[in-house]
Amino acid sequence: MTMHVVVRQPGGPECLREETVALPSPGPDEVLLRQTAIGVNFIDIYQRSGLYPLPGGVPGVEAVGVVEAVGKGVSTVSPGDRVVYGGPPVGAYAERRILKAERLHLLPAGLSDDVAAATFFKAMTAHMLLTRVFPVTAGTRILVHAAAGGLGLILTRWAKLLGAEVFGTVGSEAKAELARTAGADHVIAGRGSDFPAFIADLTGGKGVDFAIDGLGGSVLERTFTVLRKFGTVASIGQAAGPIPLIDVTALGGNRSIALARPSVMAYSAEADIYRSAGRAVLDAMTSGITATIGQTYALKDAATAHTDLEGGKTAGSTLLRP
């Protein structure tokens, strides 16, 4: 028997409930995994609330664990191996789960379970944004909203490694210090801050090349105003409110800016991309691009973790421990 956290009806954090189930033996090409650390991401909240579908009712898109048993035909991992995974299928909020062996990456000895679980899927998102959506190079000016969050800190570290100039927004002065420590060149603190004026002043009115917006709401509309001509906005979430209706003709003309709405779930669902991007992510993690773990909760306290994350009470990455 194993415990997992389920959502039977979408809603607030109180909808997260513990259930105990019996798992079958792993089938062909499958692996039974005992999980040791589980990463919490905003997509978990979107799925719990009903904004996104939640197949199977168990949230969670990344974790680290130890292989307990393998099914017929599995040759890439063995019992006792430490592995990490991220992306579909959802269901990481569990003590144990069964996954296809192809979803598992062997974890290098130098990376701890906690760091890997806090980093892998967020770094996969960073890889998608910085190499596929907008290839960032030396001198690229990039805006990262929520730069002290789990994804924001990884984006900042990776972008700086690529030679970018990073502008960040954060919710408080304490979080601003986290972003600066990660390498952000310019940070503005405070919800509702006038970041367009801040960026215009620092760039002589030219703006940034690439803006990453996981906040949505009115923030996204203001983010459009900080782009240089032919710049790109990646809209990847809506922590601050629903994505507004956008008149695409208003993005053209003299502005000539691009809007991307990339999905890391779609990115990591492609087998070839998942393998190659996963290797790049593990290499980046080994070189020091890792999450800052801000808080850890017991798996049974997933509702508290969601409440704190939604309420802006967290910094860095959040972990659940089975």
Protein backbone atom coordinates (compact mmCIF):
# COMPACT_ATOMS: atom_id res chain seq x y z
CA MET A 1 0.00 0.00 0.00
CA THR A 2 1.15 3.52 -0.71
CA MET A 3 -0.16 7.01 0.06
CA HIS A 4 -0.78 9.66 -2.52
CA VAL A 5 -2.47 13.08 -2.50
CA VAL A 6 -5.48 13.42 -4.78
CA VAL A 7 -7.95 16.01 -6.06
CA ARG A 8 -11.44 14.58 -6.50
CA GLN A 9 -13.13 17.94 -7.12
CA PRO A 10 -11.20 21.03 -8.31
CA GLY A 11 -10.98 23.93 -5.90
CA GLY A 12 -8.79 25.47 -3.23
CA PRO A 13 -5.93 23.84 -1.31
CA GLU A 14 -8.44 22.09 0.95
CA CYS A 15 -9.29 19.85 -2.03
CA LEU A 16 -5.97 18.03 -1.64
CA ARG A 17 -6.71 14.78 0.23
CA GLU A 18 -4.68 11.73 1.27
CA GLU A 19 -5.65 8.32 -0.09
CA THR A 20 -4.03 4.91 0.25
CA VAL A 21 -3.87 2.60 -2.75
CA ALA A 22 -2.32 -0.71 -3.74
CA LEU A 23 0.11 -0.52 -6.65
CA PRO A 24 0.50 -3.41 -9.09
CA SER A 25 3.89 -4.80 -10.09
CA PRO A 26 5.52 -2.84 -12.91
CA GLY A 27 4.54 -4.03 -16.36
CA PRO A 28 6.70 -4.20 -19.51
CA ASP A 29 8.97 -1.14 -19.83
CA GLU A 30 7.76 0.14 -16.46
CA VAL A 31 9.51 0.95 -13.19
CA LEU A 32 8.29 1.04 -9.59
CA LEU A 33 9.75 4.11 -7.93
CA ARG A 34 9.98 4.93 -4.21
CA GLN A 35 10.02 8.71 -4.14
CA THR A 36 12.30 10.67 -1.82
CA ALA A 37 11.65 14.31 -2.80
CA ILE A 38 8.90 15.97 -4.84
CA GLY A 39 9.06 19.39 -6.49
CA VAL A 40 6.10 21.78 -6.24
CA ASN A 41 5.28 23.92 -9.28
CA PHE A 42 2.57 26.45 -10.18
CA ILE A 43 1.16 24.01 -12.70
CA ASP A 44 0.16 21.86 -9.69
CA ILE A 45 -1.99 24.76 -8.48
CA TYR A 46 -3.50 25.35 -11.92
CA GLN A 47 -4.44 21.68 -12.14
CA ARG A 48 -5.79 21.49 -8.59
CA SER A 49 -7.98 24.55 -9.17
CA GLY A 50 -9.41 23.20 -12.42
CA LEU A 51 -7.75 25.77 -14.68
CA TYR A 52 -5.83 22.93 -16.38
CA PRO A 53 -6.97 19.30 -16.64
CA LEU A 54 -5.62 16.84 -14.07
CA PRO A 55 -5.63 13.32 -15.57
CA GLY A 56 -5.82 10.71 -12.82
CA GLY A 57 -6.46 13.24 -10.05
CA VAL A 58 -2.94 13.18 -8.56
CA PRO A 59 -0.93 16.42 -9.07
CA GLY A 60 2.82 16.72 -9.41
CA VAL A 61 5.19 16.85 -12.38
CA GLU A 62 8.67 16.25 -10.93
CA ALA A 63 10.37 14.12 -8.31
CA VAL A 64 13.42 12.08 -7.38
CA GLY A 65 13.31 8.53 -6.17
CA VAL A 66 14.94 5.13 -5.92
CA VAL A 67 14.06 2.30 -8.30
CA GLU A 68 12.49 -0.56 -6.35
CA ALA A 69 11.53 -2.91 -9.18
CA VAL A 70 11.56 -3.03 -12.98
CA GLY A 71 9.30 -4.69 -15.51
CA LYS A 72 10.15 -6.86 -18.46
CA GLY A 73 12.34 -5.19 -21.07
CA VAL A 74 13.77 -2.47 -18.83
CA SER A 75 17.54 -2.17 -19.28
CA THR A 76 18.24 1.54 -18.70
CA VAL A 77 17.77 1.49 -14.91
CA SER A 78 18.11 -1.13 -12.17
CA PRO A 79 16.80 -1.56 -8.61
CA GLY A 80 18.70 0.77 -6.30
CA ASP A 81 19.35 3.47 -8.93
CA ARG A 82 18.54 7.06 -8.03
CA VAL A 83 16.53 8.76 -10.78
CA VAL A 84 14.84 12.08 -11.54
CA TYR A 85 11.96 12.90 -13.87
CA GLY A 86 9.75 15.79 -14.90
CA GLY A 87 6.75 16.46 -17.13
CA PRO A 88 3.90 14.15 -18.13
CA PRO A 89 2.33 11.99 -16.93
CA VAL A 90 1.33 13.89 -13.80
CA GLY A 91 1.08 12.05 -10.49
CA ALA A 92 4.20 12.91 -8.48
CA TYR A 93 2.38 13.63 -5.19
CA ALA A 94 2.85 10.04 -4.05
CA GLU A 95 5.08 7.88 -1.87
CA ARG A 96 5.48 5.41 -4.72
CA ARG A 97 4.43 5.39 -8.35
CA ILE A 98 4.89 3.45 -11.56
CA LEU A 99 6.41 5.18 -14.59
CA LYS A 100 7.72 4.21 -17.99
CA ALA A 101 11.48 3.71 -17.82
CA GLU A 102 11.94 6.18 -20.71
CA ARG A 103 10.80 9.03 -18.40
CA LEU A 104 13.63 8.47 -15.92
CA HIS A 105 17.08 10.08 -15.94
CA LEU A 106 19.86 8.58 -13.85
CA LEU A 107 20.91 11.07 -11.19
CA PRO A 108 24.64 11.92 -10.98
CA ALA A 109 26.24 11.12 -7.63
CA GLY A 110 27.12 14.76 -6.98
CA LEU A 111 23.49 15.93 -6.98
CA SER A 112 21.36 15.46 -3.88
CA ASP A 113 17.79 14.21 -4.06
CA ASP A 114 16.44 17.52 -2.74
CA VAL A 115 18.36 19.72 -5.17
CA ALA A 116 17.45 17.55 -8.15
CA ALA A 117 13.75 17.42 -7.25
CA ALA A 118 13.65 21.18 -6.71
CA THR A 119 15.47 21.93 -9.96
CA PHE A 120 14.82 19.45 -12.77
CA PHE A 121 11.44 20.49 -14.20
CA LYS A 122 12.06 24.19 -13.62
CA ALA A 123 15.41 23.89 -15.38
CA MET A 124 13.64 22.08 -18.22
CA THR A 125 11.39 25.14 -18.47
CA ALA A 126 14.43 27.41 -18.47
CA HIS A 127 16.05 25.32 -21.21
CA MET A 128 12.92 25.65 -23.35
CA LEU A 129 12.72 29.41 -22.85
CA LEU A 130 16.39 30.30 -23.22
CA THR A 131 17.29 27.98 -26.08
CA ARG A 132 14.07 27.32 -28.05
CA VAL A 133 11.66 30.22 -27.50
CA PHE A 134 14.35 32.93 -27.61
CA PRO A 135 17.97 31.82 -28.00
CA VAL A 136 19.74 33.96 -25.39
CA THR A 137 23.33 34.98 -26.06
CA ALA A 138 25.90 37.40 -24.65
CA GLY A 139 24.39 40.86 -24.36
CA THR A 140 20.72 39.79 -24.52
CA ARG A 141 18.58 41.89 -22.22
CA ILE A 142 16.05 39.69 -20.45
CA LEU A 143 13.26 40.48 -17.98
CA VAL A 144 12.33 37.78 -15.46
CA HIS A 145 9.18 38.34 -13.41
CA ALA A 146 9.12 36.70 -9.95
CA ALA A 147 12.90 36.50 -10.16
CA ALA A 148 13.18 35.16 -6.59
CA GLY A 149 10.82 32.25 -7.23
CA GLY A 150 11.89 28.70 -7.96
CA LEU A 151 11.88 29.16 -11.74
CA GLY A 152 13.02 32.77 -11.58
CA LEU A 153 16.25 31.98 -9.75
CA ILE A 154 17.14 29.19 -12.19
CA LEU A 155 16.35 31.42 -15.18
CA THR A 156 18.53 34.16 -13.75
CA ARG A 157 21.49 31.84 -13.12
CA TRP A 158 21.26 30.21 -16.55
CA ALA A 159 20.77 33.50 -18.41
CA LYS A 160 23.81 34.99 -16.66
CA LEU A 161 25.87 31.95 -17.66
CA LEU A 162 24.87 32.71 -21.27
CA GLY A 163 26.03 36.31 -20.86
CA ALA A 164 22.65 38.05 -20.60
CA GLU A 165 21.83 41.23 -18.75
CA VAL A 166 19.02 40.27 -16.36
CA PHE A 167 16.27 42.57 -15.11
CA GLY A 168 14.08 41.10 -12.36
CA THR A 169 10.88 41.94 -10.53
CA VAL A 170 10.21 40.59 -7.03
CA GLY A 171 7.62 41.08 -4.30
CA SER A 172 9.79 42.40 -1.48
CA GLU A 173 13.25 43.70 -0.61
CA ALA A 174 14.13 40.38 1.04
CA LYS A 175 13.34 38.60 -2.22
CA ALA A 176 15.32 41.23 -4.14
CA GLU A 177 18.45 40.15 -2.30
CA LEU A 178 17.84 36.53 -3.36
CA ALA A 179 17.57 37.60 -7.01
CA ARG A 180 20.75 39.67 -6.79
CA THR A 181 22.61 36.79 -5.21
CA ALA A 182 21.56 34.62 -8.16
CA GLY A 183 23.13 37.18 -10.49
CA ALA A 184 20.32 39.56 -11.50
CA ASP A 185 21.82 42.85 -12.66
CA HIS A 186 18.83 45.07 -11.92
CA VAL A 187 15.99 44.26 -9.49
CA ILE A 188 12.86 46.21 -8.63
CA ALA A 189 10.85 45.18 -5.56
CA GLY A 190 7.21 45.56 -4.61
CA ARG A 191 3.94 44.28 -5.99
CA GLY A 192 2.56 46.81 -8.41
CA SER A 193 6.00 48.36 -8.94
CA ASP A 194 6.54 50.60 -11.95
CA PHE A 195 8.87 48.19 -13.71
CA PRO A 196 8.28 49.73 -17.18
CA ALA A 197 9.71 53.06 -15.98
CA PHE A 198 12.51 51.22 -14.17
CA ILE A 199 13.53 49.39 -17.35
CA ALA A 200 13.10 52.43 -19.61
CA ASP A 201 15.42 54.43 -17.37
CA LEU A 202 18.11 51.73 -17.30
CA THR A 203 17.99 51.03 -21.05
CA GLY A 204 17.65 54.59 -22.31
CA GLY A 205 14.12 53.80 -23.47
CA LYS A 206 15.21 50.89 -25.68
CA GLY A 207 13.68 48.13 -23.56
CA VAL A 208 14.56 44.43 -23.27
CA ASP A 209 14.94 41.77 -25.93
CA PHE A 210 13.05 39.02 -24.14
CA ALA A 211 10.55 39.08 -21.26
CA ILE A 212 9.35 36.01 -19.35
CA ASP A 213 5.98 36.51 -17.69
CA GLY A 214 4.51 33.89 -15.37
CA LEU A 215 2.22 36.40 -13.64
CA GLY A 216 -0.42 37.22 -16.25
CA GLY A 217 -3.23 39.63 -15.41
CA SER A 218 -2.43 43.32 -15.81
CA VAL A 219 1.28 42.54 -15.47
CA LEU A 220 1.32 40.91 -18.89
CA GLU A 221 -0.19 43.98 -20.52
CA ARG A 222 2.51 46.18 -18.95
CA THR A 223 5.19 43.70 -19.93
CA PHE A 224 4.48 44.36 -23.59
CA THR A 225 5.52 47.98 -23.06
CA VAL A 226 9.10 47.11 -21.98
CA LEU A 227 10.10 45.30 -25.18
CA ARG A 228 12.36 46.71 -27.84
CA LYS A 229 11.12 46.49 -31.40
CA PHE A 230 11.05 42.89 -32.57
CA GLY A 231 11.39 41.67 -28.98
CA THR A 232 9.53 38.66 -27.59
CA VAL A 233 7.29 38.04 -24.58
CA ALA A 234 6.85 34.48 -23.31
CA SER A 235 3.62 34.14 -21.34
CA ILE A 236 4.00 31.03 -19.17
CA GLY A 237 1.52 31.44 -16.31
CA GLN A 238 -1.05 33.53 -14.52
CA ALA A 239 -0.13 33.68 -10.86
CA ALA A 240 -1.41 37.27 -10.67
CA GLY A 241 -4.64 36.76 -12.60
CA PRO A 242 -6.18 35.41 -15.82
CA ILE A 243 -4.48 36.06 -19.13
CA PRO A 244 -6.22 39.09 -20.66
CA LEU A 245 -7.70 39.12 -24.13
CA ILE A 246 -5.05 40.43 -26.50
CA ASP A 247 -5.57 42.29 -29.76
CA VAL A 248 -2.76 40.81 -31.83
CA THR A 249 -2.90 43.70 -34.30
CA ALA A 250 -1.77 45.97 -31.46
CA LEU A 251 1.51 44.01 -31.31
CA GLY A 252 2.39 44.94 -34.88
CA GLY A 253 3.12 48.20 -36.62
CA ASN A 254 5.80 50.29 -35.01
CA ARG A 255 5.98 47.91 -32.04
CA SER A 256 6.52 44.72 -34.05
CA ILE A 257 6.77 42.47 -31.01
CA ALA A 258 6.14 38.74 -30.71
CA LEU A 259 4.07 36.82 -28.15
CA ALA A 260 4.85 33.19 -27.33
CA ARG A 261 2.70 30.91 -25.19
CA PRO A 262 5.03 27.89 -24.75
CA SER A 263 4.16 24.83 -22.70
CA VAL A 264 6.92 22.91 -20.95
CA MET A 265 4.52 19.98 -20.63
CA ALA A 266 4.33 19.82 -24.43
CA TYR A 267 8.10 20.37 -24.66
CA SER A 268 8.89 17.51 -22.29
CA ALA A 269 6.25 15.21 -23.80
CA GLU A 270 8.32 14.81 -26.98
CA ALA A 271 10.59 11.81 -26.36
CA ASP A 272 13.62 13.08 -28.30
CA ILE A 273 13.41 16.55 -26.79
CA TYR A 274 12.93 15.12 -23.31
CA ARG A 275 16.06 13.00 -23.56
CA SER A 276 18.31 15.71 -25.04
CA ALA A 277 16.94 18.55 -22.91
CA GLY A 278 17.15 16.34 -19.83
CA ARG A 279 20.83 15.70 -20.47
CA ALA A 280 21.43 19.43 -20.94
CA VAL A 281 19.57 20.14 -17.71
CA LEU A 282 21.60 17.58 -15.74
CA ASP A 283 24.81 19.05 -17.18
CA ALA A 284 23.66 22.52 -16.15
CA MET A 285 22.77 21.31 -12.67
CA THR A 286 26.18 19.65 -12.31
CA SER A 287 27.82 22.94 -13.29
CA GLY A 288 25.95 24.79 -10.54
CA ILE A 289 22.67 25.94 -12.09
CA THR A 290 20.45 24.62 -9.34
CA ALA A 291 17.43 25.74 -7.36
CA THR A 292 17.52 27.56 -4.07
CA ILE A 293 15.31 25.48 -1.75
CA GLY A 294 13.22 27.87 0.28
CA GLN A 295 10.87 25.56 2.15
CA THR A 296 10.06 21.87 2.63
CA TYR A 297 6.76 20.29 3.70
CA ALA A 298 5.64 16.75 4.41
CA LEU A 299 3.66 15.25 1.53
CA LYS A 300 0.60 15.10 3.80
CA ASP A 301 0.90 18.90 4.18
CA ALA A 302 0.65 19.59 0.44
CA ALA A 303 -2.37 21.84 1.06
CA THR A 304 -0.27 24.12 3.28
CA ALA A 305 2.45 24.23 0.62
CA HIS A 306 -0.12 25.30 -1.98
CA THR A 307 -1.59 27.94 0.34
CA ASP A 308 1.82 29.44 1.01
CA LEU A 309 2.87 29.39 -2.65
CA GLU A 310 -0.35 31.02 -3.84
CA GLY A 311 -0.13 33.60 -1.06
CA GLY A 312 3.34 34.75 -2.04
CA LYS A 313 4.78 33.51 1.25
CA THR A 314 7.46 31.36 -0.35
CA ALA A 315 10.84 32.12 -1.88
CA GLY A 316 12.93 29.83 -4.04
CA SER A 317 11.72 26.30 -4.69
CA THR A 318 9.28 24.30 -2.60
CA LEU A 319 9.65 20.59 -1.84
CA LEU A 320 7.35 17.88 -0.52
CA ARG A 321 8.89 14.99 1.39
CA PRO A 322 7.06 11.62 1.33
